[in-house]
N, C-alpha and C. Protein backbone atom coordinates (compact mmCIF):
# COMPACT_ATOMS: atom_id res chain seq x y z
N UNK A 1 171.85 9.46 -89.09
CA UNK A 1 172.21 8.35 -89.95
C UNK A 1 172.46 8.84 -91.37
N UNK A 2 171.68 9.84 -91.79
CA UNK A 2 171.90 10.40 -93.13
C UNK A 2 173.33 10.89 -93.30
N UNK A 3 173.81 11.66 -92.34
CA UNK A 3 175.15 12.24 -92.47
C UNK A 3 176.25 11.20 -92.37
N UNK A 4 175.96 10.04 -91.79
CA UNK A 4 176.94 8.97 -91.65
C UNK A 4 176.92 8.00 -92.84
N UNK A 5 175.96 8.15 -93.74
CA UNK A 5 175.86 7.23 -94.87
C UNK A 5 175.34 5.87 -94.48
N UNK A 6 174.44 5.84 -93.49
CA UNK A 6 173.84 4.59 -93.02
C UNK A 6 172.45 4.46 -93.63
N UNK A 7 172.18 3.31 -94.22
CA UNK A 7 170.86 3.05 -94.80
C UNK A 7 169.89 2.74 -93.67
N UNK A 8 168.74 3.38 -93.69
CA UNK A 8 167.72 3.18 -92.68
C UNK A 8 166.76 2.09 -93.17
N UNK A 9 166.61 1.06 -92.35
CA UNK A 9 165.74 -0.08 -92.65
C UNK A 9 164.54 -0.03 -91.71
N UNK A 10 163.33 -0.03 -92.28
CA UNK A 10 162.12 0.11 -91.48
C UNK A 10 161.31 -1.18 -91.33
N UNK A 11 161.91 -2.31 -91.69
CA UNK A 11 161.15 -3.56 -91.65
C UNK A 11 160.68 -3.98 -90.26
N UNK A 12 161.33 -3.56 -89.22
CA UNK A 12 160.92 -3.93 -87.87
C UNK A 12 160.35 -2.74 -87.09
N UNK A 13 159.90 -1.73 -87.79
CA UNK A 13 159.39 -0.54 -87.10
C UNK A 13 157.87 -0.46 -87.21
N UNK A 14 157.30 0.42 -86.42
CA UNK A 14 155.87 0.65 -86.45
C UNK A 14 155.50 1.77 -87.42
N UNK A 15 154.23 1.96 -87.62
CA UNK A 15 153.71 2.94 -88.57
C UNK A 15 154.21 4.34 -88.23
N UNK A 16 154.07 4.75 -86.99
CA UNK A 16 154.50 6.09 -86.61
C UNK A 16 156.00 6.26 -86.78
N UNK A 17 156.77 5.23 -86.48
CA UNK A 17 158.22 5.33 -86.63
C UNK A 17 158.61 5.56 -88.08
N UNK A 18 157.95 4.87 -88.99
CA UNK A 18 158.23 5.08 -90.42
C UNK A 18 157.94 6.53 -90.79
N UNK A 19 156.80 7.04 -90.36
CA UNK A 19 156.46 8.44 -90.65
C UNK A 19 157.47 9.40 -90.03
N UNK A 20 157.91 9.13 -88.81
CA UNK A 20 158.91 9.98 -88.15
C UNK A 20 160.23 9.98 -88.93
N UNK A 21 160.65 8.81 -89.37
CA UNK A 21 161.89 8.71 -90.17
C UNK A 21 161.74 9.48 -91.46
N UNK A 22 160.63 9.29 -92.14
CA UNK A 22 160.41 9.98 -93.42
C UNK A 22 160.38 11.50 -93.28
N UNK A 23 159.99 11.97 -92.10
CA UNK A 23 159.93 13.42 -91.86
C UNK A 23 161.31 14.05 -91.76
N UNK A 24 162.33 13.25 -91.43
CA UNK A 24 163.65 13.84 -91.22
C UNK A 24 164.72 13.37 -92.20
N UNK A 25 164.56 12.21 -92.81
CA UNK A 25 165.61 11.71 -93.69
C UNK A 25 165.58 12.41 -95.05
N UNK A 26 166.75 12.54 -95.61
CA UNK A 26 166.87 13.10 -96.95
C UNK A 26 167.28 12.02 -97.94
N UNK A 27 167.58 10.83 -97.42
CA UNK A 27 168.05 9.72 -98.23
C UNK A 27 166.95 8.69 -98.46
N UNK A 28 167.13 7.84 -99.46
CA UNK A 28 166.21 6.71 -99.63
C UNK A 28 166.27 5.81 -98.40
N UNK A 29 165.14 5.22 -98.06
CA UNK A 29 165.09 4.23 -96.99
C UNK A 29 164.66 2.90 -97.60
N UNK A 30 164.87 1.82 -96.83
CA UNK A 30 164.46 0.51 -97.31
C UNK A 30 163.60 -0.19 -96.27
N UNK A 31 162.81 -1.12 -96.76
CA UNK A 31 162.15 -2.13 -95.93
C UNK A 31 162.77 -3.43 -96.42
N UNK A 32 163.79 -3.91 -95.72
CA UNK A 32 164.63 -4.99 -96.24
C UNK A 32 163.91 -6.32 -96.38
N UNK A 33 162.87 -6.56 -95.59
CA UNK A 33 162.15 -7.83 -95.67
C UNK A 33 160.73 -7.63 -95.15
N UNK A 34 159.86 -7.27 -96.09
CA UNK A 34 158.47 -6.97 -95.76
C UNK A 34 157.55 -7.49 -96.85
N UNK A 35 156.28 -7.62 -96.49
CA UNK A 35 155.26 -8.00 -97.45
C UNK A 35 154.26 -6.87 -97.64
N UNK A 36 153.24 -7.15 -98.42
CA UNK A 36 152.20 -6.18 -98.75
C UNK A 36 150.96 -6.46 -97.89
N UNK A 37 150.59 -5.48 -97.09
CA UNK A 37 149.44 -5.66 -96.19
C UNK A 37 148.12 -5.86 -96.94
N UNK A 38 147.97 -5.28 -98.12
CA UNK A 38 146.73 -5.45 -98.89
C UNK A 38 146.54 -6.90 -99.34
N UNK A 39 147.64 -7.65 -99.44
CA UNK A 39 147.55 -9.07 -99.83
C UNK A 39 147.52 -10.00 -98.63
N UNK A 40 148.16 -9.60 -97.55
CA UNK A 40 148.19 -10.39 -96.31
C UNK A 40 148.18 -9.42 -95.15
N UNK A 41 147.03 -9.33 -94.51
CA UNK A 41 146.86 -8.37 -93.41
C UNK A 41 147.62 -8.85 -92.18
N UNK A 42 148.89 -8.49 -92.15
CA UNK A 42 149.77 -8.84 -91.03
C UNK A 42 150.42 -7.54 -90.56
N UNK A 43 150.52 -7.34 -89.26
CA UNK A 43 151.03 -6.08 -88.73
C UNK A 43 152.44 -5.76 -89.21
N UNK A 44 153.22 -6.76 -89.62
CA UNK A 44 154.58 -6.52 -90.09
C UNK A 44 154.62 -6.12 -91.57
N UNK A 45 153.53 -6.29 -92.28
CA UNK A 45 153.51 -5.93 -93.70
C UNK A 45 153.21 -4.45 -93.89
N UNK A 46 153.55 -3.94 -95.06
CA UNK A 46 153.43 -2.51 -95.35
C UNK A 46 152.10 -2.18 -96.01
N UNK A 47 151.54 -1.06 -95.59
CA UNK A 47 150.32 -0.54 -96.23
C UNK A 47 150.70 0.11 -97.57
N UNK A 48 149.70 0.34 -98.39
CA UNK A 48 149.94 1.04 -99.67
C UNK A 48 150.60 2.39 -99.43
N UNK A 49 150.11 3.11 -98.42
CA UNK A 49 150.66 4.43 -98.11
C UNK A 49 152.15 4.34 -97.75
N UNK A 50 152.52 3.34 -96.97
CA UNK A 50 153.92 3.17 -96.60
C UNK A 50 154.78 2.81 -97.82
N UNK A 51 154.27 1.94 -98.66
CA UNK A 51 155.01 1.56 -99.88
C UNK A 51 155.23 2.78 -100.76
N UNK A 52 154.21 3.58 -100.93
CA UNK A 52 154.32 4.79 -101.75
C UNK A 52 155.34 5.75 -101.13
N UNK A 53 155.28 5.95 -99.83
CA UNK A 53 156.21 6.87 -99.17
C UNK A 53 157.65 6.38 -99.28
N UNK A 54 157.88 5.08 -99.13
CA UNK A 54 159.24 4.54 -99.29
C UNK A 54 159.72 4.75 -100.72
N UNK A 55 158.87 4.46 -101.68
CA UNK A 55 159.24 4.67 -103.09
C UNK A 55 159.51 6.14 -103.38
N UNK A 56 158.74 7.02 -102.78
CA UNK A 56 158.95 8.46 -103.00
C UNK A 56 160.31 8.95 -102.49
N UNK A 57 160.92 8.21 -101.58
CA UNK A 57 162.27 8.57 -101.14
C UNK A 57 163.32 8.03 -102.11
N UNK A 58 162.89 7.18 -103.04
CA UNK A 58 163.82 6.48 -103.92
C UNK A 58 164.24 5.16 -103.31
N UNK A 59 163.59 4.76 -102.24
CA UNK A 59 163.94 3.55 -101.51
C UNK A 59 163.44 2.28 -102.16
N UNK A 60 163.57 1.18 -101.42
CA UNK A 60 163.29 -0.15 -101.94
C UNK A 60 162.56 -0.98 -100.89
N UNK A 61 161.62 -1.81 -101.36
CA UNK A 61 160.95 -2.79 -100.51
C UNK A 61 161.45 -4.16 -100.91
N UNK A 62 162.09 -4.85 -99.98
CA UNK A 62 162.55 -6.22 -100.21
C UNK A 62 161.44 -7.17 -99.83
N UNK A 63 160.92 -7.91 -100.80
CA UNK A 63 159.81 -8.83 -100.54
C UNK A 63 160.32 -10.05 -99.77
N UNK A 64 159.71 -10.25 -98.61
CA UNK A 64 160.09 -11.32 -97.70
C UNK A 64 159.57 -12.66 -98.21
N UNK A 65 160.22 -13.75 -97.80
CA UNK A 65 159.77 -15.10 -98.17
C UNK A 65 159.06 -15.81 -97.03
N UNK A 66 158.94 -15.19 -95.89
CA UNK A 66 158.30 -15.84 -94.74
C UNK A 66 156.84 -16.09 -95.07
N UNK A 67 156.44 -17.36 -95.07
CA UNK A 67 155.08 -17.72 -95.52
C UNK A 67 153.99 -17.03 -94.72
N UNK A 68 154.21 -16.80 -93.43
CA UNK A 68 153.19 -16.14 -92.59
C UNK A 68 152.95 -14.70 -93.01
N UNK A 69 153.92 -14.07 -93.67
CA UNK A 69 153.75 -12.70 -94.14
C UNK A 69 153.21 -12.66 -95.57
N UNK A 70 153.29 -13.78 -96.28
CA UNK A 70 152.85 -13.83 -97.68
C UNK A 70 151.40 -14.25 -97.85
N UNK A 71 150.92 -15.12 -96.96
CA UNK A 71 149.59 -15.69 -97.14
C UNK A 71 149.07 -16.19 -95.80
N UNK A 72 147.76 -16.24 -95.70
CA UNK A 72 147.15 -16.83 -94.50
C UNK A 72 146.97 -18.34 -94.68
N UNK A 73 147.28 -18.87 -95.85
CA UNK A 73 147.15 -20.30 -96.13
C UNK A 73 148.18 -21.09 -95.33
N UNK A 74 147.97 -22.37 -95.23
CA UNK A 74 148.93 -23.27 -94.61
C UNK A 74 150.26 -23.12 -95.32
N UNK A 75 151.35 -23.06 -94.56
CA UNK A 75 152.67 -22.80 -95.15
C UNK A 75 153.05 -23.81 -96.22
N UNK A 76 152.51 -25.02 -96.16
CA UNK A 76 152.85 -26.03 -97.16
C UNK A 76 152.20 -25.75 -98.52
N UNK A 77 151.30 -24.78 -98.57
CA UNK A 77 150.67 -24.43 -99.85
C UNK A 77 151.12 -23.07 -100.38
N UNK A 78 152.05 -22.41 -99.69
CA UNK A 78 152.58 -21.13 -100.14
C UNK A 78 153.77 -21.41 -101.07
N UNK A 79 153.73 -20.79 -102.26
CA UNK A 79 154.73 -21.08 -103.29
C UNK A 79 155.36 -19.79 -103.82
N UNK A 80 156.22 -19.97 -104.79
CA UNK A 80 156.86 -18.83 -105.46
C UNK A 80 155.80 -17.90 -106.05
N UNK A 81 154.66 -18.41 -106.42
CA UNK A 81 153.59 -17.56 -106.98
C UNK A 81 153.09 -16.54 -105.96
N UNK A 82 153.10 -16.89 -104.69
CA UNK A 82 152.72 -15.93 -103.65
C UNK A 82 153.74 -14.80 -103.55
N UNK A 83 155.02 -15.13 -103.70
CA UNK A 83 156.06 -14.10 -103.72
C UNK A 83 155.82 -13.17 -104.90
N UNK A 84 155.53 -13.75 -106.06
CA UNK A 84 155.30 -12.95 -107.26
C UNK A 84 154.07 -12.06 -107.10
N UNK A 85 153.06 -12.52 -106.39
CA UNK A 85 151.89 -11.66 -106.13
C UNK A 85 152.30 -10.39 -105.40
N UNK A 86 153.17 -10.52 -104.42
CA UNK A 86 153.63 -9.34 -103.67
C UNK A 86 154.50 -8.44 -104.55
N UNK A 87 155.34 -9.06 -105.37
CA UNK A 87 156.17 -8.28 -106.31
C UNK A 87 155.27 -7.55 -107.30
N UNK A 88 154.30 -8.24 -107.88
CA UNK A 88 153.36 -7.63 -108.83
C UNK A 88 152.64 -6.44 -108.21
N UNK A 89 152.20 -6.62 -106.97
CA UNK A 89 151.44 -5.57 -106.31
C UNK A 89 152.27 -4.31 -106.17
N UNK A 90 153.50 -4.47 -105.70
CA UNK A 90 154.38 -3.31 -105.54
C UNK A 90 154.68 -2.68 -106.89
N UNK A 91 154.97 -3.50 -107.90
CA UNK A 91 155.25 -2.98 -109.24
C UNK A 91 154.07 -2.17 -109.75
N UNK A 92 152.86 -2.68 -109.59
CA UNK A 92 151.68 -1.98 -110.07
C UNK A 92 151.38 -0.71 -109.28
N UNK A 93 151.78 -0.70 -108.02
CA UNK A 93 151.53 0.47 -107.17
C UNK A 93 152.55 1.58 -107.39
N UNK A 94 153.85 1.22 -107.45
CA UNK A 94 154.89 2.25 -107.49
C UNK A 94 155.94 2.07 -108.59
N UNK A 95 155.99 0.89 -109.21
CA UNK A 95 156.94 0.69 -110.29
C UNK A 95 158.05 -0.30 -109.95
N UNK A 96 158.71 -0.76 -110.97
CA UNK A 96 159.74 -1.81 -110.86
C UNK A 96 160.99 -1.35 -110.11
N UNK A 97 161.25 -0.06 -110.06
CA UNK A 97 162.48 0.46 -109.46
C UNK A 97 162.51 0.41 -107.94
N UNK A 98 161.44 -0.05 -107.32
CA UNK A 98 161.34 0.00 -105.86
C UNK A 98 161.14 -1.37 -105.23
N UNK A 99 161.44 -2.43 -105.99
CA UNK A 99 161.24 -3.80 -105.53
C UNK A 99 162.58 -4.52 -105.45
N UNK A 100 162.72 -5.35 -104.42
CA UNK A 100 163.92 -6.18 -104.29
C UNK A 100 163.51 -7.48 -103.60
N UNK A 101 164.49 -8.33 -103.39
CA UNK A 101 164.27 -9.56 -102.65
C UNK A 101 164.75 -9.35 -101.22
N UNK A 102 163.92 -9.71 -100.27
CA UNK A 102 164.26 -9.61 -98.86
C UNK A 102 163.95 -10.92 -98.17
N UNK A 103 164.44 -11.99 -98.72
CA UNK A 103 164.05 -13.35 -98.34
C UNK A 103 163.97 -13.58 -96.84
N UNK A 104 164.97 -13.14 -96.09
CA UNK A 104 165.04 -13.34 -94.64
C UNK A 104 165.37 -14.79 -94.29
N UNK A 105 166.16 -15.44 -95.14
CA UNK A 105 166.56 -16.82 -94.85
C UNK A 105 167.26 -16.96 -93.50
N UNK A 106 167.95 -15.92 -93.08
CA UNK A 106 168.67 -16.01 -91.81
C UNK A 106 167.76 -15.81 -90.60
N UNK A 107 166.48 -15.59 -90.84
CA UNK A 107 165.55 -15.33 -89.74
C UNK A 107 164.83 -16.57 -89.22
N UNK A 108 165.25 -17.75 -89.66
CA UNK A 108 164.59 -18.97 -89.19
C UNK A 108 163.18 -19.10 -89.71
N UNK A 109 162.97 -18.66 -90.93
CA UNK A 109 161.62 -18.62 -91.51
C UNK A 109 161.19 -19.96 -92.10
N UNK A 110 159.88 -20.09 -92.30
CA UNK A 110 159.33 -21.15 -93.13
C UNK A 110 159.15 -20.51 -94.50
N UNK A 111 159.96 -20.92 -95.47
CA UNK A 111 159.95 -20.32 -96.80
C UNK A 111 158.93 -21.01 -97.69
N UNK A 112 158.53 -20.34 -98.77
CA UNK A 112 157.59 -20.95 -99.71
C UNK A 112 158.14 -22.24 -100.32
N UNK A 113 157.23 -23.14 -100.66
CA UNK A 113 157.61 -24.37 -101.35
C UNK A 113 158.38 -24.00 -102.61
N UNK A 114 159.54 -24.61 -102.79
CA UNK A 114 160.36 -24.34 -103.97
C UNK A 114 161.38 -23.23 -103.76
N UNK A 115 161.29 -22.52 -102.63
CA UNK A 115 162.26 -21.47 -102.31
C UNK A 115 162.86 -21.73 -100.93
N UNK A 116 163.08 -22.99 -100.62
CA UNK A 116 163.48 -23.42 -99.29
C UNK A 116 164.80 -22.81 -98.82
N UNK A 117 165.70 -22.52 -99.74
CA UNK A 117 166.98 -21.92 -99.38
C UNK A 117 167.52 -21.17 -100.59
N UNK A 118 168.64 -20.51 -100.41
CA UNK A 118 169.19 -19.64 -101.46
C UNK A 118 169.52 -20.41 -102.74
N UNK A 119 169.77 -21.69 -102.65
CA UNK A 119 170.07 -22.47 -103.86
C UNK A 119 168.88 -22.55 -104.79
N UNK A 120 167.69 -22.21 -104.30
CA UNK A 120 166.46 -22.29 -105.10
C UNK A 120 166.12 -20.96 -105.78
N UNK A 121 166.95 -19.94 -105.63
CA UNK A 121 166.67 -18.64 -106.24
C UNK A 121 166.49 -18.70 -107.76
N UNK A 122 167.17 -19.59 -108.48
CA UNK A 122 166.90 -19.67 -109.93
C UNK A 122 165.42 -19.97 -110.24
N UNK A 123 164.73 -20.64 -109.34
CA UNK A 123 163.30 -20.90 -109.55
C UNK A 123 162.50 -19.60 -109.55
N UNK A 124 162.89 -18.66 -108.70
CA UNK A 124 162.21 -17.36 -108.68
C UNK A 124 162.53 -16.59 -109.95
N UNK A 125 163.79 -16.61 -110.35
CA UNK A 125 164.18 -15.92 -111.59
C UNK A 125 163.37 -16.45 -112.76
N UNK A 126 163.30 -17.77 -112.90
CA UNK A 126 162.55 -18.37 -114.00
C UNK A 126 161.07 -18.02 -113.91
N UNK A 127 160.50 -18.08 -112.72
CA UNK A 127 159.09 -17.76 -112.55
C UNK A 127 158.80 -16.30 -112.92
N UNK A 128 159.69 -15.39 -112.56
CA UNK A 128 159.50 -13.98 -112.91
C UNK A 128 159.53 -13.80 -114.43
N UNK A 129 160.48 -14.44 -115.09
CA UNK A 129 160.57 -14.35 -116.55
C UNK A 129 159.33 -14.95 -117.20
N UNK A 130 158.87 -16.09 -116.71
CA UNK A 130 157.67 -16.73 -117.26
C UNK A 130 156.43 -15.89 -116.99
N UNK A 131 156.46 -15.09 -115.96
CA UNK A 131 155.33 -14.24 -115.58
C UNK A 131 155.30 -12.94 -116.40
N UNK A 132 156.33 -12.71 -117.22
CA UNK A 132 156.34 -11.53 -118.08
C UNK A 132 157.32 -10.45 -117.70
N UNK A 133 158.08 -10.66 -116.65
CA UNK A 133 159.11 -9.69 -116.30
C UNK A 133 160.26 -9.80 -117.30
N UNK A 134 160.81 -8.66 -117.66
CA UNK A 134 161.93 -8.66 -118.61
C UNK A 134 163.23 -9.00 -117.88
N UNK A 135 164.27 -9.38 -118.62
CA UNK A 135 165.57 -9.59 -117.96
C UNK A 135 166.03 -8.35 -117.18
N UNK A 136 165.76 -7.16 -117.72
CA UNK A 136 166.13 -5.92 -117.02
C UNK A 136 165.36 -5.80 -115.71
N UNK A 137 164.06 -6.10 -115.74
CA UNK A 137 163.25 -6.06 -114.52
C UNK A 137 163.80 -7.02 -113.47
N UNK A 138 164.13 -8.23 -113.91
CA UNK A 138 164.62 -9.25 -112.99
C UNK A 138 165.95 -8.82 -112.36
N UNK A 139 166.83 -8.23 -113.16
CA UNK A 139 168.10 -7.74 -112.61
C UNK A 139 167.85 -6.68 -111.54
N UNK A 140 166.89 -5.79 -111.78
CA UNK A 140 166.56 -4.77 -110.78
C UNK A 140 166.08 -5.42 -109.49
N UNK A 141 165.16 -6.37 -109.61
CA UNK A 141 164.59 -7.04 -108.44
C UNK A 141 165.66 -7.82 -107.68
N UNK A 142 166.55 -8.49 -108.42
CA UNK A 142 167.54 -9.36 -107.78
C UNK A 142 168.77 -8.63 -107.26
N UNK A 143 168.84 -7.32 -107.41
CA UNK A 143 169.98 -6.63 -106.81
C UNK A 143 170.24 -5.21 -107.26
N UNK A 144 169.90 -4.88 -108.50
CA UNK A 144 170.24 -3.53 -108.98
C UNK A 144 169.53 -2.43 -108.21
N UNK A 145 168.29 -2.67 -107.80
CA UNK A 145 167.58 -1.63 -107.04
C UNK A 145 168.25 -1.38 -105.69
N UNK A 146 168.66 -2.46 -105.00
CA UNK A 146 169.40 -2.28 -103.75
C UNK A 146 170.72 -1.56 -104.02
N UNK A 147 171.42 -1.93 -105.07
CA UNK A 147 172.71 -1.30 -105.38
C UNK A 147 172.55 0.20 -105.63
N UNK A 148 171.46 0.59 -106.28
CA UNK A 148 171.20 2.01 -106.50
C UNK A 148 171.11 2.75 -105.17
N UNK A 149 170.38 2.18 -104.23
CA UNK A 149 170.24 2.80 -102.91
C UNK A 149 171.58 2.81 -102.17
N UNK A 150 172.30 1.70 -102.21
CA UNK A 150 173.61 1.64 -101.55
C UNK A 150 174.53 2.73 -102.08
N UNK A 151 174.58 2.88 -103.39
CA UNK A 151 175.47 3.88 -103.99
C UNK A 151 175.06 5.31 -103.60
N UNK A 152 173.77 5.53 -103.52
CA UNK A 152 173.31 6.88 -103.17
C UNK A 152 173.55 7.21 -101.70
N UNK A 153 173.30 6.26 -100.81
CA UNK A 153 173.38 6.54 -99.38
C UNK A 153 174.80 6.35 -98.84
N UNK A 154 175.49 5.34 -99.28
CA UNK A 154 176.78 4.95 -98.69
C UNK A 154 177.96 5.51 -99.47
N UNK A 155 177.90 6.75 -99.85
CA UNK A 155 178.96 7.35 -100.67
C UNK A 155 180.28 7.40 -99.96
């Protein structure tokens, strides 16, 4: 896949598969729609070690909006603040350059209150700015980090 310029996405893979991919790839990899296991212990979420390894490739973690991956609370009480918790965690662990949005709206998900569909994305932008993220940080999260990976891998 490296030689073909194909971005490797590990969001639906297991722990060993991620390690196997990291052992052979020379390009950044992504987790297009994943959460943080330290915040929500779900088998589909990433451990700190996995997040660090993905960041070390120059890759990106797209924070998912699926309420079951964000919180163990009832889906009707999961909000944009839960998404920001996952973003904050990744930022504090590896930095702003490795975070993106991986909403997974096309996956038939139950999204957080206030982020029901793509038309509600301005609410996330506003919440990030109110939470202390700079306009530059928000641009990275909303697309620039993915674009950096696309440009590097898909030459």
